[in-house]
Amino acid sequence: MFVRVANLIALRKRQQRSRSEAMARLYQLEIIKLRTQLQEMSRIDRLSAARALSSDTIAHD
């Protein structure tokens, strides 16, 4: 999932280059939205990993 979002960001950046200023701004907004989504996914993934590690530690005590 992370790779798919990262690839979409790269695609939008490439598409943005050859567009008019107004269209480039729309692409830039989408890029920002996708980056925010990627950051949120990373945060959730880190929390899940931390919880899994903590539950493993508790189970072994």
N, C-alpha and C. Protein backbone atom coordinates (compact mmCIF):
# COMPACT_ATOMS: atom_id res chain seq x y z
N MET A 1 0.83 -1.19 0.00
CA MET A 1 0.00 0.00 0.00
C MET A 1 0.88 1.26 0.00
N PHE A 2 1.95 1.24 0.79
CA PHE A 2 2.83 2.40 0.86
C PHE A 2 3.46 2.69 -0.51
N VAL A 3 3.89 1.63 -1.17
CA VAL A 3 4.54 1.79 -2.48
C VAL A 3 3.56 2.34 -3.50
N ARG A 4 2.33 1.88 -3.45
CA ARG A 4 1.32 2.36 -4.39
C ARG A 4 1.08 3.86 -4.23
N VAL A 5 0.98 4.32 -2.99
CA VAL A 5 0.76 5.75 -2.74
C VAL A 5 2.00 6.55 -3.16
N ALA A 6 3.18 6.04 -2.85
CA ALA A 6 4.42 6.72 -3.24
C ALA A 6 4.53 6.81 -4.77
N ASN A 7 4.16 5.75 -5.47
CA ASN A 7 4.19 5.77 -6.93
C ASN A 7 3.18 6.77 -7.49
N LEU A 8 2.03 6.86 -6.86
CA LEU A 8 1.02 7.83 -7.29
C LEU A 8 1.52 9.26 -7.10
N ILE A 9 2.22 9.50 -6.00
CA ILE A 9 2.79 10.84 -5.76
C ILE A 9 3.80 11.17 -6.87
N ALA A 10 4.67 10.22 -7.21
CA ALA A 10 5.66 10.45 -8.25
C ALA A 10 4.98 10.71 -9.60
N LEU A 11 3.94 9.96 -9.89
CA LEU A 11 3.21 10.14 -11.14
C LEU A 11 2.60 11.53 -11.21
N ARG A 12 1.96 11.96 -10.14
CA ARG A 12 1.34 13.29 -10.12
C ARG A 12 2.39 14.39 -10.26
N LYS A 13 3.57 14.20 -9.68
CA LYS A 13 4.63 15.20 -9.82
C LYS A 13 5.09 15.29 -11.27
N ARG A 14 5.20 14.15 -11.94
CA ARG A 14 5.58 14.16 -13.36
C ARG A 14 4.49 14.82 -14.20
N GLN A 15 3.24 14.52 -13.92
CA GLN A 15 2.13 15.10 -14.68
C GLN A 15 2.03 16.60 -14.46
N GLN A 16 2.41 17.04 -13.29
CA GLN A 16 2.31 18.46 -12.92
C GLN A 16 3.24 19.32 -13.79
N ARG A 17 4.36 18.77 -14.19
CA ARG A 17 5.39 19.55 -14.89
C ARG A 17 4.90 20.18 -16.19
N SER A 18 4.10 19.46 -16.94
CA SER A 18 3.72 19.94 -18.28
C SER A 18 2.35 20.61 -18.30
N ARG A 19 1.84 21.02 -17.18
CA ARG A 19 0.50 21.61 -17.10
C ARG A 19 0.57 23.13 -16.93
N SER A 20 -0.57 23.72 -17.18
CA SER A 20 -0.69 25.16 -16.94
C SER A 20 -0.59 25.42 -15.44
N GLU A 21 -0.43 26.67 -15.08
CA GLU A 21 -0.25 27.01 -13.66
C GLU A 21 -1.46 26.57 -12.82
N ALA A 22 -2.66 26.79 -13.35
CA ALA A 22 -3.87 26.41 -12.60
C ALA A 22 -3.95 24.89 -12.40
N MET A 23 -3.67 24.14 -13.46
CA MET A 23 -3.70 22.68 -13.35
C MET A 23 -2.57 22.19 -12.45
N ALA A 24 -1.42 22.80 -12.53
CA ALA A 24 -0.29 22.40 -11.69
C ALA A 24 -0.63 22.57 -10.22
N ARG A 25 -1.38 23.63 -9.90
CA ARG A 25 -1.80 23.83 -8.50
C ARG A 25 -2.73 22.71 -8.05
N LEU A 26 -3.62 22.28 -8.93
CA LEU A 26 -4.52 21.17 -8.58
C LEU A 26 -3.73 19.89 -8.33
N TYR A 27 -2.75 19.63 -9.19
CA TYR A 27 -1.89 18.46 -8.98
C TYR A 27 -1.13 18.60 -7.66
N GLN A 28 -0.67 19.82 -7.36
CA GLN A 28 0.07 20.02 -6.12
C GLN A 28 -0.81 19.75 -4.91
N LEU A 29 -2.08 20.16 -4.98
CA LEU A 29 -3.01 19.86 -3.88
C LEU A 29 -3.20 18.35 -3.71
N GLU A 30 -3.30 17.65 -4.82
CA GLU A 30 -3.44 16.19 -4.73
C GLU A 30 -2.18 15.57 -4.15
N ILE A 31 -1.02 16.07 -4.53
CA ILE A 31 0.25 15.55 -3.99
C ILE A 31 0.29 15.76 -2.49
N ILE A 32 -0.13 16.94 -2.03
CA ILE A 32 -0.15 17.21 -0.58
C ILE A 32 -1.09 16.23 0.12
N LYS A 33 -2.27 16.01 -0.46
CA LYS A 33 -3.25 15.09 0.12
C LYS A 33 -2.66 13.67 0.20
N LEU A 34 -2.00 13.24 -0.86
CA LEU A 34 -1.41 11.90 -0.88
C LEU A 34 -0.28 11.77 0.14
N ARG A 35 0.53 12.81 0.27
CA ARG A 35 1.62 12.78 1.27
C ARG A 35 1.06 12.71 2.68
N THR A 36 -0.03 13.45 2.92
CA THR A 36 -0.68 13.40 4.23
C THR A 36 -1.21 12.00 4.50
N GLN A 37 -1.81 11.40 3.48
CA GLN A 37 -2.32 10.04 3.61
C GLN A 37 -1.18 9.07 3.92
N LEU A 38 -0.07 9.23 3.25
CA LEU A 38 1.09 8.37 3.47
C LEU A 38 1.63 8.54 4.89
N GLN A 39 1.68 9.77 5.38
CA GLN A 39 2.15 10.02 6.75
C GLN A 39 1.21 9.36 7.76
N GLU A 40 -0.09 9.46 7.52
CA GLU A 40 -1.06 8.85 8.43
C GLU A 40 -0.93 7.32 8.42
N MET A 41 -0.74 6.75 7.23
CA MET A 41 -0.55 5.30 7.14
C MET A 41 0.71 4.88 7.90
N SER A 42 1.77 5.65 7.78
CA SER A 42 3.02 5.34 8.48
C SER A 42 2.83 5.42 9.99
N ARG A 43 2.10 6.44 10.43
CA ARG A 43 1.83 6.59 11.86
C ARG A 43 1.04 5.40 12.39
N ILE A 44 0.02 4.99 11.67
CA ILE A 44 -0.80 3.84 12.09
C ILE A 44 0.05 2.58 12.10
N ASP A 45 0.90 2.42 11.10
CA ASP A 45 1.76 1.24 11.03
C ASP A 45 2.73 1.20 12.21
N ARG A 46 3.31 2.35 12.56
CA ARG A 46 4.22 2.40 13.71
C ARG A 46 3.49 2.07 15.01
N LEU A 47 2.27 2.61 15.16
CA LEU A 47 1.48 2.32 16.37
C LEU A 47 1.15 0.85 16.46
N SER A 48 0.77 0.26 15.35
CA SER A 48 0.45 -1.17 15.32
C SER A 48 1.66 -2.01 15.69
N ALA A 49 2.81 -1.64 15.16
CA ALA A 49 4.04 -2.38 15.46
C ALA A 49 4.39 -2.24 16.94
N ALA A 50 4.23 -1.04 17.48
CA ALA A 50 4.54 -0.82 18.89
C ALA A 50 3.59 -1.62 19.79
N ARG A 51 2.33 -1.65 19.42
CA ARG A 51 1.35 -2.42 20.21
C ARG A 51 1.64 -3.91 20.14
N ALA A 52 2.01 -4.38 18.97
CA ALA A 52 2.34 -5.80 18.82
C ALA A 52 3.55 -6.15 19.66
N LEU A 53 4.55 -5.29 19.65
CA LEU A 53 5.75 -5.52 20.44
C LEU A 53 5.42 -5.50 21.93
N SER A 54 4.60 -4.55 22.34
CA SER A 54 4.25 -4.44 23.74
C SER A 54 3.40 -5.62 24.19
N SER A 55 2.50 -6.12 23.35
CA SER A 55 1.69 -7.27 23.73
C SER A 55 2.54 -8.54 23.78
N ASP A 56 3.55 -8.64 22.92
CA ASP A 56 4.47 -9.77 22.97
C ASP A 56 5.26 -9.75 24.27
N THR A 57 5.69 -8.57 24.67
CA THR A 57 6.46 -8.42 25.91
C THR A 57 5.60 -8.79 27.11
N ILE A 58 4.36 -8.36 27.12
CA ILE A 58 3.46 -8.67 28.23
C ILE A 58 3.16 -10.16 28.27
N ALA A 59 2.98 -10.78 27.12
CA ALA A 59 2.67 -12.21 27.06
C ALA A 59 3.82 -13.08 27.57
N HIS A 60 5.05 -12.60 27.39
CA HIS A 60 6.21 -13.38 27.81
C HIS A 60 6.60 -13.16 29.27
N ASP A 61 6.01 -12.20 29.93
CA ASP A 61 6.36 -11.92 31.32
C ASP A 61 5.77 -12.94 32.27
